[in-house]
Amino acid sequence: MIIVFKPGTSREQVESLVQRLSAAGCKPLYLPGDERLAIGAIGDERLLASLRLESHPQVESVTLVPSSHKLVSREFHPHDSIVNIGAVPVGSNRFIVIAGPCAVESREQITQAAELVQRAGASCLRGGAFKPRSSPYAFQGLGREGLELLATAARGVGLPSVTEVVETTDIEAIASYADAFQVGARNMQNFSLLKALGQQRKPVLLKRGMAAEVKDLLLAAEYIVSEGNDAVILCERGIRTFETATRNTLDLSAVPFLKQRSHLPVIVDPSHGTGRRELVAPMARAAAACGADGIIVEMHPDPAQALSDGAQSLYPQQFRELMQGLRAIVAAVGRTL
């Protein structure tokens, strides 16, 4: 429910109604706006209706919000949100690039990767310390040692770091090393993990599940925001379809749809979206053109020796070419790289 107040309503009168809503067991939210004071109210709709807010002398209108993902919707928050990963703003006029290897494999590998992506102009360093894999026999990551190596490499080149969280028990350790949590496709609907991340103060990069509809992604984000952490970045990373030419089908139509429905920043993962390194650059340019706020891509100093996702990892020269090719597209849509 969105409650809009009449012109001339004082802050004290608004606060009086907010207290009334709280006393009734509803959750009031202050909504930004230049022309009218407005608040949102979340709670049992029958209880909200019983308050008869439309008859309040200072209330101009009461609008029910049918969406089940109210907090991340534009109805409750019409302006774009900017989420900071360290000092890097996501959702502003800057198109951000998060790059690095799929997994942290050694000190030498992640240090070299950090230097390569920083020199090419990337915004953040990525690297997995805990790796959920389809096969139990595949490389599972270095764990806490990987976190330490990632943090050291990122600090060495002055970039914030992003790494995946798989278990709620790892949250505290990751929070002490990384600048942002990444929730992978397999955990998009791990609701206990989402609730725990909602109680953190660091941003969450939330990837769309392989078989998830767009509304499922928004509902997953709602889980995090409803717990108090509104620093969520949505990520389109491809879905499974009948098409087998690529690893997944990168659903770029989801980007403008999400931007229309939600105030949260949206980025694209062309590496997992295609699974083929030769397709990463064209789809990254397409992501910039369709309004994404950035991309997250895999780059390895030596993809032939990568312990995971080598086929979709860019060679250093390919990553430099990707960055150069993005500049014209990003400028054409009124952004900077």
C-alpha atoms as a PDB file:
ATOM      1  CA  MET A   1       0.000   0.000   0.000  1.00  0.00           C
ATOM      2  CA  ILE A   2       1.268   3.483  -0.930  1.00  0.00           C
ATOM      3  CA  ILE A   3      -0.129   6.428   1.021  1.00  0.00           C
ATOM      4  CA  VAL A   4       0.245   9.898  -0.540  1.00  0.00           C
ATOM      5  CA  PHE A   5      -0.310  12.929   1.645  1.00  0.00           C
ATOM      6  CA  LYS A   6      -1.998  16.193   0.713  1.00  0.00           C
ATOM      7  CA  PRO A   7       0.125  19.293   0.011  1.00  0.00           C
ATOM      8  CA  GLY A   8       1.044  21.105   3.191  1.00  0.00           C
ATOM      9  CA  THR A   9       1.159  17.985   5.353  1.00  0.00           C
ATOM     10  CA  SER A  10       3.826  18.378   8.001  1.00  0.00           C
ATOM     11  CA  ARG A  11       6.492  15.845   8.908  1.00  0.00           C
ATOM     12  CA  GLU A  12       4.901  15.582  12.359  1.00  0.00           C
ATOM     13  CA  GLN A  13       1.546  14.583  10.842  1.00  0.00           C
ATOM     14  CA  VAL A  14       3.275  11.967   8.678  1.00  0.00           C
ATOM     15  CA  GLU A  15       5.160  10.633  11.678  1.00  0.00           C
ATOM     16  CA  SER A  16       1.894  10.370  13.619  1.00  0.00           C
ATOM     17  CA  LEU A  17       0.459   8.086  10.926  1.00  0.00           C
ATOM     18  CA  VAL A  18       3.694   6.089  10.749  1.00  0.00           C
ATOM     19  CA  GLN A  19       3.419   5.405  14.475  1.00  0.00           C
ATOM     20  CA  ARG A  20      -0.198   4.355  14.032  1.00  0.00           C
ATOM     21  CA  LEU A  21       0.822   1.869  11.331  1.00  0.00           C
ATOM     22  CA  SER A  22       3.619   0.498  13.491  1.00  0.00           C
ATOM     23  CA  ALA A  23       1.300   0.115  16.468  1.00  0.00           C
ATOM     24  CA  ALA A  24      -1.067  -1.874  14.254  1.00  0.00           C
ATOM     25  CA  GLY A  25       1.733  -4.296  13.363  1.00  0.00           C
ATOM     26  CA  CYS A  26       2.445  -2.965   9.866  1.00  0.00           C
ATOM     27  CA  LYS A  27       5.841  -2.028   8.467  1.00  0.00           C
ATOM     28  CA  PRO A  28       5.939   1.624   7.303  1.00  0.00           C
ATOM     29  CA  LEU A  29       8.522   2.853   4.805  1.00  0.00           C
ATOM     30  CA  TYR A  30       9.432   6.404   3.879  1.00  0.00           C
ATOM     31  CA  LEU A  31       9.336   6.861   0.109  1.00  0.00           C
ATOM     32  CA  PRO A  32      11.484   9.404  -1.734  1.00  0.00           C
ATOM     33  CA  GLY A  33       9.637  12.060  -3.717  1.00  0.00           C
ATOM     34  CA  ASP A  34      10.004  15.679  -4.737  1.00  0.00           C
ATOM     35  CA  GLU A  35       6.360  16.739  -5.074  1.00  0.00           C
ATOM     36  CA  ARG A  36       4.447  14.854  -2.372  1.00  0.00           C
ATOM     37  CA  LEU A  37       5.171  13.243   0.967  1.00  0.00           C
ATOM     38  CA  ALA A  38       4.412   9.544   0.728  1.00  0.00           C
ATOM     39  CA  ILE A  39       4.937   6.398   2.721  1.00  0.00           C
ATOM     40  CA  GLY A  40       4.571   2.724   1.973  1.00  0.00           C
ATOM     41  CA  ALA A  41       2.990   0.198   4.292  1.00  0.00           C
ATOM     42  CA  ILE A  42       3.580  -3.545   4.264  1.00  0.00           C
ATOM     43  CA  GLY A  43       1.444  -5.936   6.225  1.00  0.00           C
ATOM     44  CA  ASP A  44      -1.765  -7.932   6.278  1.00  0.00           C
ATOM     45  CA  GLU A  45      -3.979  -6.304   3.637  1.00  0.00           C
ATOM     46  CA  ARG A  46      -7.124  -6.934   5.701  1.00  0.00           C
ATOM     47  CA  LEU A  47      -5.520  -5.139   8.638  1.00  0.00           C
ATOM     48  CA  LEU A  48      -4.418  -2.256   6.438  1.00  0.00           C
ATOM     49  CA  ALA A  49      -7.943  -1.944   5.022  1.00  0.00           C
ATOM     50  CA  SER A  50      -9.414  -1.876   8.533  1.00  0.00           C
ATOM     51  CA  LEU A  51      -7.370   1.241   9.323  1.00  0.00           C
ATOM     52  CA  ARG A  52      -9.435   3.191   6.724  1.00  0.00           C
ATOM     53  CA  LEU A  53      -6.490   5.392   5.868  1.00  0.00           C
ATOM     54  CA  GLU A  54      -8.284   6.918   2.880  1.00  0.00           C
ATOM     55  CA  SER A  55     -10.516   8.836   5.311  1.00  0.00           C
ATOM     56  CA  HIS A  56      -7.555  10.374   7.166  1.00  0.00           C
ATOM     57  CA  PRO A  57      -7.759  14.195   6.793  1.00  0.00           C
ATOM     58  CA  GLN A  58      -4.168  14.512   5.536  1.00  0.00           C
ATOM     59  CA  VAL A  59      -4.233  11.573   3.114  1.00  0.00           C
ATOM     60  CA  GLU A  60      -4.757  12.340  -0.561  1.00  0.00           C
ATOM     61  CA  SER A  61      -4.752   8.795  -1.923  1.00  0.00           C
ATOM     62  CA  VAL A  62      -4.213   5.178  -0.933  1.00  0.00           C
ATOM     63  CA  THR A  63      -3.020   2.747  -3.607  1.00  0.00           C
ATOM     64  CA  LEU A  64      -2.800  -0.992  -3.188  1.00  0.00           C
ATOM     65  CA  VAL A  65       0.364  -2.557  -4.628  1.00  0.00           C
ATOM     66  CA  PRO A  66      -0.500  -5.998  -6.005  1.00  0.00           C
ATOM     67  CA  SER A  67       3.127  -6.964  -6.583  1.00  0.00           C
ATOM     68  CA  SER A  68       4.527  -9.653  -4.292  1.00  0.00           C
ATOM     69  CA  HIS A  69       7.992  -8.078  -4.516  1.00  0.00           C
ATOM     70  CA  LYS A  70       7.086  -4.649  -3.197  1.00  0.00           C
ATOM     71  CA  LEU A  71      10.400  -3.501  -1.733  1.00  0.00           C
ATOM     72  CA  VAL A  72      12.360  -4.013  -4.951  1.00  0.00           C
ATOM     73  CA  SER A  73       9.609  -2.629  -7.197  1.00  0.00           C
ATOM     74  CA  ARG A  74       9.520   0.807  -8.771  1.00  0.00           C
ATOM     75  CA  GLU A  75       6.072   1.341  -7.283  1.00  0.00           C
ATOM     76  CA  PHE A  76       7.624   1.654  -3.838  1.00  0.00           C
ATOM     77  CA  HIS A  77      10.906   3.165  -5.020  1.00  0.00           C
ATOM     78  CA  PRO A  78      10.570   5.022  -8.348  1.00  0.00           C
ATOM     79  CA  HIS A  79      14.186   6.202  -8.584  1.00  0.00           C
ATOM     80  CA  ASP A  80      17.203   4.095  -9.556  1.00  0.00           C
ATOM     81  CA  SER A  81      19.178   2.696  -6.636  1.00  0.00           C
ATOM     82  CA  ILE A  82      22.952   2.914  -6.620  1.00  0.00           C
ATOM     83  CA  VAL A  83      24.793   0.095  -4.846  1.00  0.00           C
ATOM     84  CA  ASN A  84      28.430   0.598  -3.900  1.00  0.00           C
ATOM     85  CA  ILE A  85      30.933  -2.250  -4.111  1.00  0.00           C
ATOM     86  CA  GLY A  86      33.683  -0.680  -2.077  1.00  0.00           C
ATOM     87  CA  ALA A  87      34.048   2.736  -3.736  1.00  0.00           C
ATOM     88  CA  VAL A  88      32.591   1.574  -7.069  1.00  0.00           C
ATOM     89  CA  PRO A  89      28.992   2.736  -7.674  1.00  0.00           C
ATOM     90  CA  VAL A  90      26.786   0.260  -9.539  1.00  0.00           C
ATOM     91  CA  GLY A  91      23.686   1.732 -11.140  1.00  0.00           C
ATOM     92  CA  SER A  92      25.093   5.169 -11.884  1.00  0.00           C
ATOM     93  CA  ASN A  93      26.222   6.572 -15.244  1.00  0.00           C
ATOM     94  CA  ARG A  94      29.330   4.414 -14.966  1.00  0.00           C
ATOM     95  CA  PHE A  95      29.236   1.025 -16.722  1.00  0.00           C
ATOM     96  CA  ILE A  96      31.120  -1.307 -14.409  1.00  0.00           C
ATOM     97  CA  VAL A  97      33.163  -4.374 -15.326  1.00  0.00           C
ATOM     98  CA  ILE A  98      33.781  -7.100 -12.749  1.00  0.00           C
ATOM     99  CA  ALA A  99      36.467  -9.446 -14.039  1.00  0.00           C
ATOM    100  CA  GLY A 100      38.777 -12.212 -12.955  1.00  0.00           C
ATOM    101  CA  PRO A 101      39.083 -15.991 -12.923  1.00  0.00           C
ATOM    102  CA  CYS A 102      36.242 -18.356 -12.113  1.00  0.00           C
ATOM    103  CA  ALA A 103      38.223 -19.725  -9.168  1.00  0.00           C
ATOM    104  CA  VAL A 104      41.171 -18.617  -7.090  1.00  0.00           C
ATOM    105  CA  GLU A 105      43.763 -21.326  -7.782  1.00  0.00           C
ATOM    106  CA  SER A 106      47.051 -19.988  -6.374  1.00  0.00           C
ATOM    107  CA  ARG A 107      48.723 -16.767  -5.190  1.00  0.00           C
ATOM    108  CA  GLU A 108      50.544 -16.390  -8.506  1.00  0.00           C
ATOM    109  CA  GLN A 109      47.395 -16.945 -10.587  1.00  0.00           C
ATOM    110  CA  ILE A 110      45.123 -14.489  -8.732  1.00  0.00           C
ATOM    111  CA  THR A 111      47.866 -11.873  -8.403  1.00  0.00           C
ATOM    112  CA  GLN A 112      48.550 -12.004 -12.124  1.00  0.00           C
ATOM    113  CA  ALA A 113      44.814 -11.898 -12.900  1.00  0.00           C
ATOM    114  CA  ALA A 114      44.325  -8.862 -10.648  1.00  0.00           C
ATOM    115  CA  GLU A 115      47.125  -6.948 -12.369  1.00  0.00           C
ATOM    116  CA  LEU A 116      45.749  -7.814 -15.816  1.00  0.00           C
ATOM    117  CA  VAL A 117      42.166  -6.746 -15.147  1.00  0.00           C
ATOM    118  CA  GLN A 118      43.247  -3.581 -13.337  1.00  0.00           C
ATOM    119  CA  ARG A 119      45.543  -2.493 -16.177  1.00  0.00           C
ATOM    120  CA  ALA A 120      42.754  -3.134 -18.701  1.00  0.00           C
ATOM    121  CA  GLY A 121      40.403  -0.815 -16.756  1.00  0.00           C
ATOM    122  CA  ALA A 122      38.094  -3.186 -14.879  1.00  0.00           C
ATOM    123  CA  SER A 123      36.144  -1.880 -11.871  1.00  0.00           C
ATOM    124  CA  CYS A 124      36.262  -4.907  -9.533  1.00  0.00           C
ATOM    125  CA  LEU A 125      38.102  -8.216  -9.177  1.00  0.00           C
ATOM    126  CA  ARG A 126      36.161 -11.467  -9.046  1.00  0.00           C
ATOM    127  CA  GLY A 127      37.334 -14.912  -7.964  1.00  0.00           C
ATOM    128  CA  GLY A 128      35.706 -17.922  -6.362  1.00  0.00           C
ATOM    129  CA  ALA A 129      37.049 -19.385  -3.125  1.00  0.00           C
ATOM    130  CA  PHE A 130      34.078 -21.704  -2.528  1.00  0.00           C
ATOM    131  CA  LYS A 131      32.963 -23.364  -5.763  1.00  0.00           C
ATOM    132  CA  PRO A 132      29.659 -25.248  -6.081  1.00  0.00           C
ATOM    133  CA  ARG A 133      30.278 -27.725  -8.929  1.00  0.00           C
ATOM    134  CA  SER A 134      28.007 -30.116 -10.780  1.00  0.00           C
ATOM    135  CA  SER A 135      30.495 -32.948 -10.211  1.00  0.00           C
ATOM    136  CA  PRO A 136      31.715 -33.791  -6.692  1.00  0.00           C
ATOM    137  CA  TYR A 137      35.079 -34.679  -8.261  1.00  0.00           C
ATOM    138  CA  ALA A 138      35.638 -31.228  -9.815  1.00  0.00           C
ATOM    139  CA  PHE A 139      37.796 -28.537  -8.186  1.00  0.00           C
ATOM    140  CA  GLN A 140      35.823 -27.163  -5.220  1.00  0.00           C
ATOM    141  CA  GLY A 141      37.948 -24.075  -4.513  1.00  0.00           C
ATOM    142  CA  LEU A 142      40.616 -23.246  -1.934  1.00  0.00           C
ATOM    143  CA  GLY A 143      38.148 -22.121   0.721  1.00  0.00           C
ATOM    144  CA  ARG A 144      39.433 -19.664   3.334  1.00  0.00           C
ATOM    145  CA  GLU A 145      42.923 -19.663   1.796  1.00  0.00           C
ATOM    146  CA  GLY A 146      41.307 -18.538  -1.458  1.00  0.00           C
ATOM    147  CA  LEU A 147      39.567 -15.673   0.340  1.00  0.00           C
ATOM    148  CA  GLU A 148      42.875 -14.463   1.754  1.00  0.00           C
ATOM    149  CA  LEU A 149      44.604 -14.673  -1.626  1.00  0.00           C
ATOM    150  CA  LEU A 150      41.755 -12.836  -3.358  1.00  0.00           C
ATOM    151  CA  ALA A 151      41.727 -10.044  -0.784  1.00  0.00           C
ATOM    152  CA  THR A 152      45.503  -9.625  -0.947  1.00  0.00           C
ATOM    153  CA  ALA A 153      45.497  -9.499  -4.755  1.00  0.00           C
ATOM    154  CA  ALA A 154      42.591  -7.031  -4.857  1.00  0.00           C
ATOM    155  CA  ARG A 155      44.193  -4.705  -2.331  1.00  0.00           C
ATOM    156  CA  GLY A 156      47.454  -4.905  -4.250  1.00  0.00           C
ATOM    157  CA  VAL A 157      45.889  -3.319  -7.324  1.00  0.00           C
ATOM    158  CA  GLY A 158      43.360  -1.118  -5.522  1.00  0.00           C
ATOM    159  CA  LEU A 159      40.196  -2.906  -6.661  1.00  0.00           C
ATOM    160  CA  PRO A 160      37.241  -4.114  -4.568  1.00  0.00           C
ATOM    161  CA  SER A 161      36.573  -7.837  -4.676  1.00  0.00           C
ATOM    162  CA  VAL A 162      33.521 -10.013  -5.280  1.00  0.00           C
ATOM    163  CA  THR A 163      33.304 -13.687  -4.347  1.00  0.00           C
ATOM    164  CA  GLU A 164      30.615 -16.336  -4.154  1.00  0.00           C
ATOM    165  CA  VAL A 165      28.948 -17.432  -0.940  1.00  0.00           C
ATOM    166  CA  VAL A 166      27.561 -20.963  -0.832  1.00  0.00           C
ATOM    167  CA  GLU A 167      26.811 -21.643   2.825  1.00  0.00           C
ATOM    168  CA  THR A 168      25.455 -19.463   5.615  1.00  0.00           C
ATOM    169  CA  THR A 169      28.356 -20.669   7.755  1.00  0.00           C
ATOM    170  CA  ASP A 170      30.803 -18.970   5.341  1.00  0.00           C
ATOM    171  CA  ILE A 171      29.176 -15.533   5.489  1.00  0.00           C
ATOM    172  CA  GLU A 172      31.220 -14.184   8.382  1.00  0.00           C
ATOM    173  CA  ALA A 173      34.534 -15.240   6.838  1.00  0.00           C
ATOM    174  CA  ILE A 174      33.649 -13.838   3.429  1.00  0.00           C
ATOM    175  CA  ALA A 175      32.455 -10.564   4.944  1.00  0.00           C
ATOM    176  CA  SER A 176      35.843 -10.105   6.575  1.00  0.00           C
ATOM    177  CA  TYR A 177      37.718 -10.416   3.258  1.00  0.00           C
ATOM    178  CA  ALA A 178      35.480  -9.465   0.294  1.00  0.00           C
ATOM    179  CA  ASP A 179      33.617  -6.272  -0.620  1.00  0.00           C
ATOM    180  CA  ALA A 180      30.532  -8.024  -2.013  1.00  0.00           C
ATOM    181  CA  PHE A 181      28.792 -11.380  -1.805  1.00  0.00           C
ATOM    182  CA  GLN A 182      27.871 -13.214  -4.966  1.00  0.00           C
ATOM    183  CA  VAL A 183      24.933 -15.627  -4.885  1.00  0.00           C
ATOM    184  CA  GLY A 184      25.167 -18.081  -7.754  1.00  0.00           C
ATOM    185  CA  ALA A 185      22.404 -19.529  -9.897  1.00  0.00           C
ATOM    186  CA  ARG A 186      22.203 -22.713  -7.831  1.00  0.00           C
ATOM    187  CA  ASN A 187      21.542 -20.775  -4.631  1.00  0.00           C
ATOM    188  CA  MET A 188      19.158 -18.113  -5.940  1.00  0.00           C
ATOM    189  CA  GLN A 189      16.303 -19.795  -4.081  1.00  0.00           C
ATOM    190  CA  ASN A 190      18.286 -20.867  -1.016  1.00  0.00           C
ATOM    191  CA  PHE A 191      16.029 -18.792   1.193  1.00  0.00           C
ATOM    192  CA  SER A 192      17.887 -19.350   4.456  1.00  0.00           C
ATOM    193  CA  LEU A 193      21.039 -18.043   2.755  1.00  0.00           C
ATOM    194  CA  LEU A 194      19.165 -15.046   1.309  1.00  0.00           C
ATOM    195  CA  LYS A 195      17.702 -14.170   4.718  1.00  0.00           C
ATOM    196  CA  ALA A 196      21.125 -14.372   6.336  1.00  0.00           C
ATOM    197  CA  LEU A 197      22.610 -12.087   3.661  1.00  0.00           C
ATOM    198  CA  GLY A 198      19.751  -9.676   4.272  1.00  0.00           C
ATOM    199  CA  GLN A 199      21.173  -9.119   7.741  1.00  0.00           C
ATOM    200  CA  GLN A 200      24.593  -8.162   6.369  1.00  0.00           C
ATOM    201  CA  ARG A 201      25.792  -4.676   5.524  1.00  0.00           C
ATOM    202  CA  LYS A 202      27.683  -5.576   2.349  1.00  0.00           C
ATOM    203  CA  PRO A 203      26.189  -5.700  -1.158  1.00  0.00           C
ATOM    204  CA  VAL A 204      24.827  -8.884  -2.683  1.00  0.00           C
ATOM    205  CA  LEU A 205      25.223  -9.714  -6.378  1.00  0.00           C
ATOM    206  CA  LEU A 206      22.272 -12.026  -7.007  1.00  0.00           C
ATOM    207  CA  LYS A 207      22.391 -14.223 -10.117  1.00  0.00           C
ATOM    208  CA  ARG A 208      19.272 -15.523 -11.823  1.00  0.00           C
ATOM    209  CA  GLY A 209      18.723 -19.260 -11.450  1.00  0.00           C
ATOM    210  CA  MET A 210      19.076 -21.461 -14.519  1.00  0.00           C
ATOM    211  CA  ALA A 211      15.355 -22.327 -14.525  1.00  0.00           C
ATOM    212  CA  ALA A 212      14.053 -19.213 -12.788  1.00  0.00           C
ATOM    213  CA  GLU A 213      11.566 -16.759 -14.213  1.00  0.00           C
ATOM    214  CA  VAL A 214      12.304 -13.066 -13.888  1.00  0.00           C
ATOM    215  CA  LYS A 215       9.681 -12.741 -11.153  1.00  0.00           C
ATOM    216  CA  ASP A 216      11.483 -15.480  -9.207  1.00  0.00           C
ATOM    217  CA  LEU A 217      14.659 -13.388  -9.315  1.00  0.00           C
ATOM    218  CA  LEU A 218      12.747 -10.359  -8.016  1.00  0.00           C
ATOM    219  CA  LEU A 219      11.210 -12.418  -5.221  1.00  0.00           C
ATOM    220  CA  ALA A 220      14.657 -13.727  -4.267  1.00  0.00           C
ATOM    221  CA  ALA A 221      15.888 -10.116  -4.072  1.00  0.00           C
ATOM    222  CA  GLU A 222      12.830  -9.272  -1.943  1.00  0.00           C
ATOM    223  CA  TYR A 223      13.971 -11.884   0.592  1.00  0.00           C
ATOM    224  CA  ILE A 224      17.271 -10.026   1.044  1.00  0.00           C
ATOM    225  CA  VAL A 225      15.813  -6.505   1.112  1.00  0.00           C
ATOM    226  CA  SER A 226      12.998  -7.469   3.506  1.00  0.00           C
ATOM    227  CA  GLU A 227      15.647  -8.450   6.065  1.00  0.00           C
ATOM    228  CA  GLY A 228      17.170  -4.953   5.952  1.00  0.00           C
ATOM    229  CA  ASN A 229      19.917  -5.116   3.318  1.00  0.00           C
ATOM    230  CA  ASP A 230      18.818  -3.036   0.320  1.00  0.00           C
ATOM    231  CA  ALA A 231      22.214  -3.242  -1.447  1.00  0.00           C
ATOM    232  CA  VAL A 232      21.268  -5.849  -4.047  1.00  0.00           C
ATOM    233  CA  ILE A 233      22.515  -6.093  -7.634  1.00  0.00           C
ATOM    234  CA  LEU A 234      20.550  -8.302 -10.026  1.00  0.00           C
ATOM    235  CA  CYS A 235      22.442 -10.406 -12.570  1.00  0.00           C
ATOM    236  CA  GLU A 236      21.150 -12.043 -15.757  1.00  0.00           C
ATOM    237  CA  ARG A 237      23.427 -15.035 -16.413  1.00  0.00           C
ATOM    238  CA  GLY A 238      21.500 -17.142 -18.890  1.00  0.00           C
ATOM    239  CA  ILE A 239      18.805 -19.780 -18.525  1.00  0.00           C
ATOM    240  CA  ARG A 240      18.449 -23.341 -19.729  1.00  0.00           C
ATOM    241  CA  THR A 241      16.328 -23.775 -22.856  1.00  0.00           C
ATOM    242  CA  PHE A 242      16.050 -26.355 -25.652  1.00  0.00           C
ATOM    243  CA  GLU A 243      18.976 -24.612 -27.403  1.00  0.00           C
ATOM    244  CA  THR A 244      22.274 -26.455 -26.976  1.00  0.00           C
ATOM    245  CA  ALA A 245      24.541 -24.372 -29.217  1.00  0.00           C
ATOM    246  CA  THR A 246      25.502 -22.351 -26.156  1.00  0.00           C
ATOM    247  CA  ARG A 247      25.900 -23.387 -22.524  1.00  0.00           C
ATOM    248  CA  ASN A 248      22.845 -21.306 -21.582  1.00  0.00           C
ATOM    249  CA  THR A 249      20.538 -18.892 -23.389  1.00  0.00           C
ATOM    250  CA  LEU A 250      21.421 -15.341 -22.382  1.00  0.00           C
ATOM    251  CA  ASP A 251      18.082 -13.609 -21.877  1.00  0.00           C
ATOM    252  CA  LEU A 252      18.983  -9.981 -22.559  1.00  0.00           C
ATOM    253  CA  SER A 253      15.299  -9.048 -22.784  1.00  0.00           C
ATOM    254  CA  ALA A 254      15.290  -9.558 -19.018  1.00  0.00           C
ATOM    255  CA  VAL A 255      17.544  -6.507 -18.606  1.00  0.00           C
ATOM    256  CA  PRO A 256      15.139  -3.761 -19.765  1.00  0.00           C
ATOM    257  CA  PHE A 257      12.250  -5.680 -18.163  1.00  0.00           C
ATOM    258  CA  LEU A 258      13.999  -5.708 -14.792  1.00  0.00           C
ATOM    259  CA  LYS A 259      15.004  -2.046 -15.178  1.00  0.00           C
ATOM    260  CA  GLN A 260      11.355  -1.157 -15.793  1.00  0.00           C
ATOM    261  CA  ARG A 261       9.996  -3.171 -12.859  1.00  0.00           C
ATOM    262  CA  SER A 262      12.741  -2.686 -10.272  1.00  0.00           C
ATOM    263  CA  HIS A 263      14.943   0.131  -9.006  1.00  0.00           C
ATOM    264  CA  LEU A 264      17.862  -2.240  -8.369  1.00  0.00           C
ATOM    265  CA  PRO A 265      20.959  -2.202 -10.640  1.00  0.00           C
ATOM    266  CA  VAL A 266      21.134  -4.953 -13.268  1.00  0.00           C
ATOM    267  CA  ILE A 267      24.310  -6.481 -14.676  1.00  0.00           C
ATOM    268  CA  VAL A 268      24.934  -9.312 -17.162  1.00  0.00           C
ATOM    269  CA  ASP A 269      27.193 -12.371 -17.092  1.00  0.00           C
ATOM    270  CA  PRO A 270      28.031 -13.163 -20.746  1.00  0.00           C
ATOM    271  CA  SER A 271      30.554 -15.832 -19.695  1.00  0.00           C
ATOM    272  CA  HIS A 272      28.006 -18.202 -18.129  1.00  0.00           C
ATOM    273  CA  GLY A 273      25.328 -16.896 -20.482  1.00  0.00           C
ATOM    274  CA  THR A 274      27.124 -18.357 -23.483  1.00  0.00           C
ATOM    275  CA  GLY A 275      29.819 -20.702 -22.150  1.00  0.00           C
ATOM    276  CA  ARG A 276      31.973 -19.853 -25.163  1.00  0.00           C
ATOM    277  CA  ARG A 277      34.738 -17.250 -24.984  1.00  0.00           C
ATOM    278  CA  GLU A 278      34.309 -16.140 -28.593  1.00  0.00           C
ATOM    279  CA  LEU A 279      30.740 -15.051 -27.782  1.00  0.00           C
ATOM    280  CA  VAL A 280      31.548 -13.135 -24.591  1.00  0.00           C
ATOM    281  CA  ALA A 281      32.600  -9.840 -26.206  1.00  0.00           C
ATOM    282  CA  PRO A 282      29.626  -9.500 -28.595  1.00  0.00           C
ATOM    283  CA  MET A 283      27.155 -10.293 -25.802  1.00  0.00           C
ATOM    284  CA  ALA A 284      28.940  -7.893 -23.449  1.00  0.00           C
ATOM    285  CA  ARG A 285      28.505  -5.124 -26.026  1.00  0.00           C
ATOM    286  CA  ALA A 286      24.848  -6.129 -26.418  1.00  0.00           C
ATOM    287  CA  ALA A 287      24.412  -5.936 -22.635  1.00  0.00           C
ATOM    288  CA  ALA A 288      25.759  -2.388 -22.609  1.00  0.00           C
ATOM    289  CA  ALA A 289      23.493  -1.431 -25.508  1.00  0.00           C
ATOM    290  CA  CYS A 290      20.304  -2.773 -23.890  1.00  0.00           C
ATOM    291  CA  GLY A 291      20.776  -0.789 -20.680  1.00  0.00           C
ATOM    292  CA  ALA A 292      22.661  -3.055 -18.292  1.00  0.00           C
ATOM    293  CA  ASP A 293      24.628  -1.317 -15.540  1.00  0.00           C
ATOM    294  CA  GLY A 294      27.659  -3.531 -16.052  1.00  0.00           C
ATOM    295  CA  ILE A 295      28.971  -7.018 -16.715  1.00  0.00           C
ATOM    296  CA  ILE A 296      30.780  -9.755 -14.812  1.00  0.00           C
ATOM    297  CA  VAL A 297      33.178 -11.768 -16.977  1.00  0.00           C
ATOM    298  CA  GLU A 298      35.724 -14.522 -16.512  1.00  0.00           C
ATOM    299  CA  MET A 299      39.339 -13.807 -17.465  1.00  0.00           C
ATOM    300  CA  HIS A 300      42.209 -16.186 -16.703  1.00  0.00           C
ATOM    301  CA  PRO A 301      45.935 -15.549 -17.224  1.00  0.00           C
ATOM    302  CA  ASP A 302      46.132 -18.959 -18.935  1.00  0.00           C
ATOM    303  CA  PRO A 303      42.663 -20.417 -19.686  1.00  0.00           C
ATOM    304  CA  ALA A 304      44.168 -23.656 -21.009  1.00  0.00           C
ATOM    305  CA  GLN A 305      45.352 -24.408 -17.455  1.00  0.00           C
ATOM    306  CA  ALA A 306      42.213 -23.193 -15.647  1.00  0.00           C
ATOM    307  CA  LEU A 307      40.796 -25.572 -13.041  1.00  0.00           C
ATOM    308  CA  SER A 308      37.218 -24.493 -13.812  1.00  0.00           C
ATOM    309  CA  ASP A 309      35.345 -22.885 -16.713  1.00  0.00           C
ATOM    310  CA  GLY A 310      38.418 -22.545 -18.939  1.00  0.00           C
ATOM    311  CA  ALA A 311      36.340 -22.724 -22.136  1.00  0.00           C
ATOM    312  CA  GLN A 312      34.472 -19.526 -21.287  1.00  0.00           C
ATOM    313  CA  SER A 313      37.415 -17.643 -19.789  1.00  0.00           C
ATOM    314  CA  LEU A 314      38.967 -14.874 -21.856  1.00  0.00           C
ATOM    315  CA  TYR A 315      42.674 -14.707 -22.594  1.00  0.00           C
ATOM    316  CA  PRO A 316      44.279 -11.481 -21.348  1.00  0.00           C
ATOM    317  CA  GLN A 317      44.502 -10.036 -24.877  1.00  0.00           C
ATOM    318  CA  GLN A 318      40.832 -10.869 -25.492  1.00  0.00           C
ATOM    319  CA  PHE A 319      39.894  -9.064 -22.281  1.00  0.00           C
ATOM    320  CA  ARG A 320      41.844  -5.966 -23.314  1.00  0.00           C
ATOM    321  CA  GLU A 321      40.052  -6.013 -26.680  1.00  0.00           C
ATOM    322  CA  LEU A 322      36.727  -6.432 -24.889  1.00  0.00           C
ATOM    323  CA  MET A 323      37.367  -3.310 -22.812  1.00  0.00           C
ATOM    324  CA  GLN A 324      38.391  -1.309 -25.882  1.00  0.00           C
ATOM    325  CA  GLY A 325      35.317  -2.464 -27.813  1.00  0.00           C
ATOM    326  CA  LEU A 326      32.995  -1.553 -24.955  1.00  0.00           C
ATOM    327  CA  ARG A 327      34.070   2.084 -24.844  1.00  0.00           C
ATOM    328  CA  ALA A 328      32.211   3.136 -28.014  1.00  0.00           C
ATOM    329  CA  ILE A 329      29.011   1.287 -27.027  1.00  0.00           C
ATOM    330  CA  VAL A 330      29.067   2.644 -23.492  1.00  0.00           C
ATOM    331  CA  ALA A 331      29.619   6.194 -24.744  1.00  0.00           C
ATOM    332  CA  ALA A 332      26.774   5.814 -27.262  1.00  0.00           C
ATOM    333  CA  VAL A 333      24.307   5.074 -24.443  1.00  0.00           C
ATOM    334  CA  GLY A 334      25.518   8.062 -22.418  1.00  0.00           C
ATOM    335  CA  ARG A 335      27.716   6.281 -19.913  1.00  0.00           C
ATOM    336  CA  THR A 336      31.372   6.059 -18.989  1.00  0.00           C
ATOM    337  CA  LEU A 337      33.511   2.976 -18.576  1.00  0.00           C
END
